[in-house]
Protein backbone atom coordinates (compact mmCIF):
# COMPACT_ATOMS: atom_id res chain seq x y z
CA UNK A 1 0.00 0.00 0.00
CA UNK A 2 1.34 3.42 -0.96
CA UNK A 3 1.91 5.63 2.06
CA UNK A 4 -0.22 8.76 2.22
CA UNK A 5 1.14 12.28 2.41
CA UNK A 6 -0.10 14.99 4.76
CA UNK A 7 -0.61 18.37 3.10
CA UNK A 8 -0.74 21.06 5.77
CA UNK A 9 -2.81 24.15 4.98
CA UNK A 10 -2.49 27.43 6.87
CA UNK A 11 -3.04 30.80 5.15
CA UNK A 12 -3.39 29.12 1.75
CA UNK A 13 -7.00 27.98 1.58
CA UNK A 14 -7.25 27.21 -2.11
CA UNK A 15 -6.50 24.61 -4.76
CA UNK A 16 -6.05 27.00 -7.70
CA UNK A 17 -2.42 27.76 -8.60
CA UNK A 18 -1.06 26.09 -5.47
CA UNK A 19 2.53 24.82 -5.96
CA UNK A 20 2.40 22.63 -2.85
CA UNK A 21 -0.76 20.89 -4.02
CA UNK A 22 0.73 20.33 -7.46
CA UNK A 23 3.91 18.88 -5.96
CA UNK A 24 1.90 16.60 -3.69
CA UNK A 25 -0.12 15.32 -6.63
CA UNK A 26 3.05 14.49 -8.53
CA UNK A 27 4.07 12.06 -5.80
CA UNK A 28 1.12 9.84 -6.72
CA UNK A 29 0.38 9.32 -3.03
CA UNK A 30 -3.01 9.54 -1.32
CA UNK A 31 -3.32 13.02 0.21
CA UNK A 32 -4.57 13.97 3.67
CA UNK A 33 -5.33 17.72 3.85
CA UNK A 34 -4.95 19.07 7.38
CA UNK A 35 -5.63 22.39 9.11
CA UNK A 36 -4.19 22.88 12.60
CA UNK A 37 -5.58 25.38 15.08
CA UNK A 38 -2.26 25.97 16.82
CA UNK A 39 -1.37 28.58 19.46
CA UNK A 40 -0.01 30.95 16.79
CA UNK A 41 -3.33 30.85 14.95
CA UNK A 42 -5.35 31.11 18.13
CA UNK A 43 -3.44 34.32 18.96
CA UNK A 44 -4.89 36.13 15.93
CA UNK A 45 -7.16 39.11 16.57
CA UNK A 46 -10.90 38.65 16.85
CA UNK A 47 -11.84 39.62 13.29
CA UNK A 48 -8.96 37.79 11.64
CA UNK A 49 -9.68 34.61 13.61
CA UNK A 50 -13.38 34.83 12.72
CA UNK A 51 -12.60 35.32 9.05
CA UNK A 52 -10.10 32.47 9.03
CA UNK A 53 -12.75 30.22 10.52
CA UNK A 54 -15.12 31.19 7.71
CA UNK A 55 -12.41 30.40 5.18
CA UNK A 56 -11.63 27.02 6.73
CA UNK A 57 -15.30 26.04 6.59
CA UNK A 58 -15.54 27.04 2.94
CA UNK A 59 -12.29 25.28 2.05
CA UNK A 60 -13.57 22.07 3.62
CA UNK A 61 -16.49 22.22 1.20
CA UNK A 62 -14.11 22.84 -1.72
CA UNK A 63 -12.15 19.72 -0.79
CA UNK A 64 -15.32 17.67 -0.59
CA UNK A 65 -16.16 18.71 -4.15
CA UNK A 66 -12.92 17.07 -5.38
CA UNK A 67 -13.36 13.86 -3.42
CA UNK A 68 -11.29 14.80 -0.40
CA UNK A 69 -11.84 16.27 3.05
CA UNK A 70 -10.15 18.61 5.51
CA UNK A 71 -8.92 17.07 8.76
CA UNK A 72 -9.07 19.53 11.65
CA UNK A 73 -6.86 19.24 14.72
CA UNK A 74 -6.08 21.61 17.58
CA UNK A 75 -2.77 21.91 19.41
CA UNK A 76 0.90 22.68 18.90
CA UNK A 77 1.62 22.00 15.24
CA UNK A 78 4.66 19.77 15.80
CA UNK A 79 2.79 17.51 18.21
CA UNK A 80 -0.35 17.38 16.06
CA UNK A 81 1.67 16.42 13.00
CA UNK A 82 3.55 13.75 14.94
CA UNK A 83 0.25 12.31 16.13
CA UNK A 84 -1.18 12.28 12.62
CA UNK A 85 1.93 10.67 11.19
CA UNK A 86 1.73 7.93 13.80
CA UNK A 87 -2.01 7.42 13.25
CA UNK A 88 -1.88 7.35 9.46
CA UNK A 89 1.58 5.97 8.71
CA UNK A 90 2.00 8.87 6.29
CA UNK A 91 5.34 9.34 4.54
CA UNK A 92 5.66 12.98 5.59
CA UNK A 93 4.29 16.49 5.34
CA UNK A 94 4.24 19.26 2.74
CA UNK A 95 3.21 22.89 3.27
CA UNK A 96 3.28 26.37 1.76
CA UNK A 97 5.79 28.74 3.35
CA UNK A 98 4.96 31.52 5.77
CA UNK A 99 7.44 34.31 6.46
CA UNK A 100 6.77 35.89 9.85
CA UNK A 101 9.43 35.08 12.46
CA UNK A 102 7.22 32.87 14.64
CA UNK A 103 6.10 30.77 11.68
CA UNK A 104 9.56 30.40 10.18
CA UNK A 105 10.95 29.26 13.53
CA UNK A 106 8.12 26.77 14.01
CA UNK A 107 8.32 25.44 10.46
CA UNK A 108 12.11 25.17 10.51
CA UNK A 109 12.03 23.09 13.68
CA UNK A 110 9.33 20.82 12.24
CA UNK A 111 11.24 20.34 8.98
CA UNK A 112 14.45 19.45 10.81
CA UNK A 113 12.65 17.01 13.09
CA UNK A 114 10.81 15.21 10.30
CA UNK A 115 13.81 14.97 8.00
CA UNK A 116 15.93 13.76 10.87
CA UNK A 117 13.57 10.79 11.11
CA UNK A 118 13.73 10.08 7.40
CA UNK A 119 10.29 11.55 6.61
CA UNK A 120 9.28 13.89 3.79
CA UNK A 121 9.27 17.51 4.94
CA UNK A 122 9.06 19.96 2.05
CA UNK A 123 7.93 23.58 1.95
CA UNK A 124 6.88 25.50 -1.15
CA UNK A 125 6.37 28.98 -2.54
CA UNK A 126 2.89 30.20 -3.40
CA UNK A 127 2.10 33.05 -1.04
CA UNK A 128 4.24 35.51 -3.02
CA UNK A 129 5.26 36.21 -6.59
CA UNK A 130 8.89 35.87 -5.60
CA UNK A 131 10.58 34.61 -2.46
CA UNK A 132 12.07 37.40 -0.32
CA UNK A 133 15.61 36.04 -0.71
CA UNK A 134 15.38 35.78 -4.51
CA UNK A 135 15.65 39.50 -5.20
CA UNK A 136 18.51 41.72 -4.09
CA UNK A 137 20.17 45.02 -4.91
CA UNK A 138 23.18 45.35 -7.17
CA UNK A 139 25.33 45.40 -4.04
CA UNK A 140 23.88 42.09 -2.94
CA UNK A 141 21.64 43.17 -0.05
CA UNK A 142 17.91 43.56 0.50
CA UNK A 143 15.94 46.48 -0.89
CA UNK A 144 14.93 49.27 1.48
CA UNK A 145 12.99 51.46 -0.96
CA UNK A 146 9.96 50.37 -2.96
CA UNK A 147 10.57 51.94 -6.39
CA UNK A 148 13.81 50.09 -7.18
CA UNK A 149 12.27 46.93 -5.74
CA UNK A 150 9.41 47.28 -8.23
CA UNK A 151 11.82 47.83 -11.10
CA UNK A 152 13.84 44.79 -10.07
CA UNK A 153 10.94 42.37 -10.39
CA UNK A 154 8.42 44.01 -12.73
CA UNK A 155 9.79 42.31 -15.84
CA UNK A 156 10.33 38.86 -14.36
CA UNK A 157 8.61 35.73 -15.55
CA UNK A 158 6.73 34.27 -12.61
CA UNK A 159 5.52 31.22 -14.50
CA UNK A 160 2.04 30.27 -15.56
CA UNK A 161 -0.79 29.96 -13.06
CA UNK A 162 -1.91 26.32 -12.73
CA UNK A 163 -5.66 25.57 -12.52
CA UNK A 164 -7.08 23.70 -9.56
CA UNK A 165 -7.09 19.90 -9.83
CA UNK A 166 -10.43 18.26 -10.48
CA UNK A 167 -9.78 15.57 -7.85
CA UNK A 168 -7.43 14.68 -5.00
CA UNK A 169 -6.50 11.06 -4.27
CA UNK A 170 -7.94 10.00 -0.92
CA UNK A 171 -6.55 7.54 1.64
CA UNK A 172 -8.38 4.28 2.31
CA UNK A 173 -9.00 5.34 5.90
CA UNK A 174 -9.39 8.92 7.09
CA UNK A 175 -8.06 9.99 10.50
CA UNK A 176 -10.47 11.52 13.00
CA UNK A 177 -11.21 15.23 12.73
CA UNK A 178 -12.28 17.89 15.20
CA UNK A 179 -15.55 19.74 14.76
CA UNK A 180 -14.81 23.30 13.58
CA UNK A 181 -17.73 24.67 15.58
CA UNK A 182 -16.12 23.46 18.82
CA UNK A 183 -13.17 25.77 18.24
CA UNK A 184 -15.45 28.84 18.42
CA UNK A 185 -13.09 30.87 16.26
CA UNK A 186 -15.59 33.72 16.01
CA UNK A 187 -16.51 33.92 19.68
CA UNK A 188 -14.65 37.16 20.34
CA UNK A 189 -16.56 38.91 17.55
CA UNK A 190 -19.73 38.51 19.59
CA UNK A 191 -22.66 40.17 17.81
CA UNK A 192 -20.35 41.91 15.37
CA UNK A 193 -19.76 38.69 13.47
CA UNK A 194 -23.27 38.66 12.01
CA UNK A 195 -22.80 42.23 10.75
CA UNK A 196 -19.35 41.70 9.23
CA UNK A 197 -20.46 38.45 7.59
CA UNK A 198 -22.67 40.47 5.24
CA UNK A 199 -19.56 42.07 3.71
CA UNK A 200 -17.27 39.05 3.43
CA UNK A 201 -16.55 37.17 0.20
CA UNK A 202 -15.26 33.84 1.45
CA UNK A 203 -13.46 31.13 -0.50
CA UNK A 204 -11.51 30.73 -3.71
CA UNK A 205 -14.54 30.63 -6.00
CA UNK A 206 -15.65 34.01 -4.68
CA UNK A 207 -12.12 35.35 -4.93
CA UNK A 208 -11.74 34.31 -8.56
CA UNK A 209 -15.12 35.81 -9.40
CA UNK A 210 -14.12 39.02 -7.64
CA UNK A 211 -10.92 39.17 -9.70
CA UNK A 212 -12.80 38.57 -12.96
CA UNK A 213 -15.26 41.36 -12.13
CA UNK A 214 -12.48 43.80 -11.31
CA UNK A 215 -10.57 43.07 -14.51
CA UNK A 216 -13.70 43.34 -16.63
CA UNK A 217 -15.23 46.42 -15.01
CA UNK A 218 -12.75 48.43 -12.95
CA UNK A 219 -9.11 47.98 -13.87
CA UNK A 220 -9.01 50.67 -16.58
CA UNK A 221 -10.03 53.43 -14.16
CA UNK A 222 -8.19 51.97 -11.17
CA UNK A 223 -5.26 54.40 -11.02
CA UNK A 224 -7.44 57.52 -11.13
CA UNK A 225 -10.35 56.25 -9.02
CA UNK A 226 -8.72 54.12 -6.35
CA UNK A 227 -8.26 56.92 -3.80
CA UNK A 228 -11.84 58.19 -3.90
CA UNK A 229 -13.36 56.62 -0.84
CA UNK A 230 -16.99 56.91 -1.91
CA UNK A 231 -16.40 54.95 -5.14
CA UNK A 232 -16.28 51.17 -5.42
CA UNK A 233 -13.13 51.24 -7.55
CA UNK A 234 -10.86 48.69 -5.87
CA UNK A 235 -10.60 44.92 -6.25
CA UNK A 236 -11.43 43.96 -2.67
CA UNK A 237 -8.96 41.09 -2.98
CA UNK A 238 -6.95 41.91 0.15
CA UNK A 239 -9.38 39.78 2.15
CA UNK A 240 -8.79 36.77 -0.07
CA UNK A 241 -5.05 37.28 -0.45
CA UNK A 242 -4.66 37.40 3.32
CA UNK A 243 -6.03 33.88 3.69
CA UNK A 244 -4.59 32.48 0.50
CA UNK A 245 -7.97 32.00 -1.16
CA UNK A 246 -6.33 33.36 -4.28
CA UNK A 247 -2.68 33.36 -5.26
CA UNK A 248 -0.73 36.48 -6.26
CA UNK A 249 0.43 34.85 -9.51
CA UNK A 250 -3.19 34.40 -10.61
CA UNK A 251 -3.80 38.09 -9.94
CA UNK A 252 -0.61 39.18 -11.72
CA UNK A 253 -1.49 37.28 -14.87
CA UNK A 254 -5.09 38.53 -14.84
CA UNK A 255 -3.76 42.06 -15.41
CA UNK A 256 -1.72 41.04 -18.46
CA UNK A 257 -4.56 41.19 -20.99
CA UNK A 258 -5.78 44.63 -19.89
CA UNK A 259 -2.17 45.85 -19.80
CA UNK A 260 -1.60 44.78 -23.40
CA UNK A 261 -4.86 46.43 -24.43
CA UNK A 262 -3.78 49.71 -22.87
CA UNK A 263 -5.87 49.70 -19.69
CA UNK A 264 -4.67 52.74 -17.76
CA UNK A 265 -4.83 51.13 -14.33
CA UNK A 266 -3.31 47.73 -15.10
CA UNK A 267 0.30 48.54 -14.27
CA UNK A 268 -0.67 50.46 -11.14
CA UNK A 269 -2.74 47.51 -10.00
CA UNK A 270 0.32 45.32 -10.39
CA UNK A 271 2.35 47.86 -8.43
CA UNK A 272 -0.04 47.53 -5.52
CA UNK A 273 0.41 43.76 -5.62
CA UNK A 274 4.18 44.26 -5.55
CA UNK A 275 3.80 46.70 -2.62
CA UNK A 276 2.59 43.64 -0.69
CA UNK A 277 5.63 41.72 -1.92
CA UNK A 278 7.85 44.56 -0.64
CA UNK A 279 6.27 44.26 2.80
CA UNK A 280 7.19 40.59 2.93
CA UNK A 281 10.67 41.32 1.62
CA UNK A 282 11.20 43.73 4.51
CA UNK A 283 9.68 41.40 7.11
CA UNK A 284 11.98 38.59 6.01
CA UNK A 285 15.15 40.66 6.05
CA UNK A 286 14.23 42.99 8.93
CA UNK A 287 11.83 41.02 11.17
CA UNK A 288 11.99 43.71 13.84
CA UNK A 289 9.66 45.78 11.62
CA UNK A 290 6.75 43.93 13.23
CA UNK A 291 7.35 45.30 16.70
CA UNK A 292 10.09 47.95 16.69
CA UNK A 293 10.85 51.09 14.74
CA UNK A 294 12.32 50.01 11.41
CA UNK A 295 14.59 53.03 11.53
CA UNK A 296 16.35 52.98 14.89
CA UNK A 297 16.79 56.76 14.92
CA UNK A 298 13.08 56.93 15.68
CA UNK A 299 13.49 55.13 18.99
CA UNK A 300 13.77 58.46 20.75
CA UNK A 301 10.62 59.97 19.24
CA UNK A 302 8.25 60.98 22.08
CA UNK A 303 5.33 58.76 21.16
CA UNK A 304 2.42 58.81 23.58
CA UNK A 305 1.06 55.51 24.84
CA UNK A 306 -2.49 54.24 24.78
CA UNK A 307 -5.06 56.46 26.48
CA UNK A 308 -8.38 58.27 26.25
CA UNK A 309 -7.65 59.90 22.90
CA UNK A 310 -6.61 56.59 21.35
CA UNK A 311 -9.80 55.05 22.72
CA UNK A 312 -11.88 57.79 21.09
CA UNK A 313 -10.05 56.98 17.85
CA UNK A 314 -10.83 53.28 18.20
CA UNK A 315 -14.51 54.02 18.77
CA UNK A 316 -14.87 56.41 15.82
CA UNK A 317 -15.61 59.28 18.15
CA UNK A 318 -12.75 61.74 17.53
CA UNK A 319 -14.97 64.51 16.17
CA UNK A 320 -13.05 64.37 12.89
CA UNK A 321 -15.64 63.03 10.40
CA UNK A 322 -13.32 61.43 7.85
CA UNK A 323 -11.42 59.60 10.59
CA UNK A 324 -14.57 58.50 12.38
CA UNK A 325 -16.22 57.29 9.17
CA UNK A 326 -13.25 55.07 8.46
CA UNK A 327 -13.09 53.67 11.98
CA UNK A 328 -16.79 52.86 11.82
CA UNK A 329 -16.44 51.28 8.40
CA UNK A 330 -14.03 48.71 9.78
CA UNK A 331 -16.44 47.73 12.54
CA UNK A 332 -19.19 47.07 10.01
CA UNK A 333 -17.24 45.50 7.16
CA UNK A 334 -14.03 44.20 8.72
CA UNK A 335 -12.05 46.22 6.19
CA UNK A 336 -11.20 49.84 5.45
CA UNK A 337 -10.55 51.75 2.25
CA UNK A 338 -6.80 52.06 1.70
CA UNK A 339 -6.82 55.87 1.48
CA UNK A 340 -8.78 55.97 4.72
CA UNK A 341 -6.22 53.67 6.38
CA UNK A 342 -3.52 56.22 5.69
CA UNK A 343 -5.64 59.05 7.06
CA UNK A 344 -6.60 57.33 10.32
CA UNK A 345 -3.00 56.17 10.83
CA UNK A 346 -1.61 59.64 10.25
CA UNK A 347 -4.20 61.18 12.56
CA UNK A 348 -3.34 58.76 15.36
CA UNK A 349 0.44 58.97 15.02
CA UNK A 350 0.78 62.65 14.07
CA UNK A 351 -2.16 64.67 15.37
CA UNK A 352 -2.54 62.52 18.49
CA UNK A 353 1.18 61.65 18.73
CA UNK A 354 0.25 58.08 19.65
CA UNK A 355 2.69 55.23 19.15
CA UNK A 356 2.10 53.48 15.83
CA UNK A 357 2.03 50.12 17.63
CA UNK A 358 -1.22 51.10 19.35
CA UNK A 359 -2.83 51.51 15.94
CA UNK A 360 -1.18 48.44 14.44
CA UNK A 361 -2.43 46.31 17.31
CA UNK A 362 -5.96 47.61 16.83
CA UNK A 363 -5.92 46.86 13.12
CA UNK A 364 -4.71 43.36 13.97
CA UNK A 365 -7.78 43.00 16.17
CA UNK A 366 -10.47 44.35 13.83
CA UNK A 367 -9.37 43.69 10.23
CA UNK A 368 -10.62 40.62 8.41
CA UNK A 369 -7.85 41.12 5.84
CA UNK A 370 -5.16 41.39 8.50
CA UNK A 371 -1.70 40.65 7.15
CA UNK A 372 1.27 41.00 9.52
CA UNK A 373 3.77 42.27 6.95
CA UNK A 374 1.49 44.77 5.24
CA UNK A 375 0.08 45.99 8.54
CA UNK A 376 3.48 46.71 10.08
CA UNK A 377 4.95 48.31 6.98
CA UNK A 378 1.85 50.44 6.38
CA UNK A 379 1.79 51.80 9.90
CA UNK A 380 5.50 52.52 9.96
CA UNK A 381 5.39 54.16 6.53
CA UNK A 382 2.71 56.57 7.72
CA UNK A 383 4.27 57.12 11.14
CA UNK A 384 7.60 58.04 9.57
CA UNK A 385 9.63 55.33 11.29
CA UNK A 386 9.49 52.93 8.34
CA UNK A 387 10.81 52.58 4.80
CA UNK A 388 10.20 55.70 2.75
CA UNK A 389 12.19 57.49 0.08
CA UNK A 390 10.51 60.84 0.79
CA UNK A 391 12.84 63.28 2.58
CA UNK A 392 10.13 64.83 4.70
CA UNK A 393 7.78 64.23 7.59
CA UNK A 394 4.27 63.55 6.30
CA UNK A 395 1.21 64.92 8.07
CA UNK A 396 -2.02 64.12 6.29
CA UNK A 397 -4.69 66.74 6.89
CA UNK A 398 -7.90 64.69 7.31
CA UNK A 399 -10.14 67.64 6.51
CA UNK A 400 -8.22 68.45 3.34
CA UNK A 401 -8.11 64.79 2.36
CA UNK A 402 -11.88 64.58 2.82
CA UNK A 403 -12.39 67.62 0.60
CA UNK A 404 -10.34 65.98 -2.14
CA UNK A 405 -11.36 62.32 -1.90
CA UNK A 406 -14.89 62.62 -0.48
CA UNK A 407 -16.00 65.97 -1.85
CA UNK A 408 -19.65 64.94 -2.04
CA UNK A 409 -19.60 63.58 1.55
CA UNK A 410 -20.82 60.20 0.29
CA UNK A 411 -18.33 58.23 2.39
CA UNK A 412 -18.97 60.20 5.56
CA UNK A 413 -22.74 59.94 5.15
CA UNK A 414 -22.43 56.22 4.55
CA UNK A 415 -20.83 55.57 7.93
CA UNK A 416 -21.87 58.37 10.32
CA UNK A 417 -25.45 58.63 11.60
CA UNK A 418 -25.15 61.85 13.58
CA UNK A 419 -26.66 64.86 11.82
CA UNK A 420 -28.69 62.81 9.36
CA UNK A 421 -32.46 62.63 9.63
CA UNK A 422 -32.46 59.32 7.78
CA UNK A 423 -29.04 57.70 8.10
CA UNK A 424 -28.38 54.76 5.79
CA UNK A 425 -28.33 51.17 6.97
CA UNK A 426 -24.56 51.05 6.74
CA UNK A 427 -24.19 53.82 9.33
CA UNK A 428 -26.79 52.20 11.58
CA UNK A 429 -24.99 48.86 11.48
CA UNK A 430 -22.08 50.34 13.39
CA UNK A 431 -24.28 50.38 16.48
CA UNK A 432 -25.27 46.76 15.89
CA UNK A 433 -21.63 45.68 15.70
CA UNK A 434 -19.92 47.54 18.55
CA UNK A 435 -19.84 46.35 22.17
CA UNK A 436 -22.95 47.36 24.10
CA UNK A 437 -20.66 48.47 26.92
CA UNK A 438 -19.64 51.47 24.83
CA UNK A 439 -23.12 52.91 25.33
CA UNK A 440 -23.25 54.60 21.91
CA UNK A 441 -26.57 55.34 20.22
CA UNK A 442 -27.50 56.45 16.67
CA UNK A 443 -29.30 59.51 18.02
CA UNK A 444 -26.34 60.79 20.03
CA UNK A 445 -24.79 64.18 19.42
CA UNK A 446 -21.68 64.09 17.29
CA UNK A 447 -18.63 64.80 19.47
CA UNK A 448 -16.55 67.94 19.29
CA UNK A 449 -13.04 67.38 17.93
CA UNK A 450 -10.74 65.94 20.59
CA UNK A 451 -7.89 67.99 19.16
CA UNK A 452 -7.65 71.00 16.88
CA UNK A 453 -6.04 69.89 13.61
CA UNK A 454 -3.69 72.84 13.46
CA UNK A 455 -2.62 72.36 17.07
CA UNK A 456 -2.07 68.64 16.60
CA UNK A 457 -0.04 69.23 13.47
CA UNK A 458 2.09 71.86 15.16
CA UNK A 459 2.81 69.56 18.10
CA UNK A 460 3.89 66.72 15.80
CA UNK A 461 6.12 68.98 13.72
CA UNK A 462 7.70 70.46 16.82
CA UNK A 463 8.49 66.98 18.13
CA UNK A 464 10.00 66.05 14.78
CA UNK A 465 12.09 69.20 14.61
CA UNK A 466 13.31 68.68 18.16
CA UNK A 467 14.79 65.32 17.23
CA UNK A 468 16.68 66.79 14.30
CA UNK A 469 14.24 66.38 11.41
CA UNK A 470 15.65 68.03 8.30
CA UNK A 471 12.46 68.90 6.48
CA UNK A 472 8.81 69.08 7.46
CA UNK A 473 5.68 69.40 5.43
CA UNK A 474 1.98 68.81 5.52
CA UNK A 475 0.61 66.57 2.78
CA UNK A 476 -1.30 68.65 0.28
CA UNK A 477 -5.03 67.91 0.36
């Protein structure tokens, strides 16, 4: 009897264009797909854990449609895999790589242990277009600035995307599986889960359909329209990319046809995909970016810690409408428009002088498209402590940004009830999603600004100048 092979899924819940799955099929062995709810996964924020649970449930159905099933186990990954290997007599384990420090340490130890016992232990690409160690500067080191990173990989051949297999070979006997419901992955979302569920597109079929719709309807105008927060101009694929329900190579190739036909937004769309690649490149080479200032000279910046103003920011009650609309959007949908993410991050770190890690931790808690590399790089880029070629200290003016990117107030009306006689359902849903303990009501009076924008800007610029900043500016609205 041919020994089976365990294929271990994590943030790669798809069969389409999956190098690990293709490699496993080439062995000719029966395959046992496994998902492990390990301590690292259990430590995810409430929204991310809820969304992952939704993805796992959908992926289990996908596997059933190709004659397989998803075995669920809870516990430390190394022990769970050892137990499964003993129970099934499998020849080894394959998996798609992850790149955060905790995962690489865990996976490296597992690979060494399995290979030391003569078992198969192979890891594969698939989460990125290019592995972080496969691109380097002319001097031989990692890139620190995005633009040359983009130029270094833009013309590369990433290979063809491989369609999903129509079937997976199954073992004669399946090992026992946990019941996903018993894990209660969405418990910390409480009543908010039912609200956010209305805005989620879960699973690889939905992700591929979302990509097709974007390419057919939106990609041409993407570059010009993407920053306007009241327009549905973006792909929405961050949610699916985060959980591996679609692969970046599939997305890259989908833009090729429009690019050849002269679609104005096709190259810029690819650049945004490579921005994600850059985040992973930095996380691999500079893992401290997740928890410490990427640029050490920022260690002396007088960030404020968590407090009442940061709590008002979290609750969408700062009195700054663009900021509050964005913070309420995330409570309802689990995501936030990218332009709005920059505005709320700048407001927290510049106008409120709050440590970027306070904001990054909150995004990790509330985003259904949470991605550790992109989250850390995005926050540090806005805060000023991260990778950035610009020789100045950015301060986004939220009022000016609103005038430019939400001139008709559509976005603010969509998410803020106060001041509207008939607020839309989207704005009302915020009060259905938030904790009751906050005591907020749709009929409440909108708060006064917790800080004057000019005063907050001046304080931030003074702090920057005091630490030797060479040039300061406010971002033009």
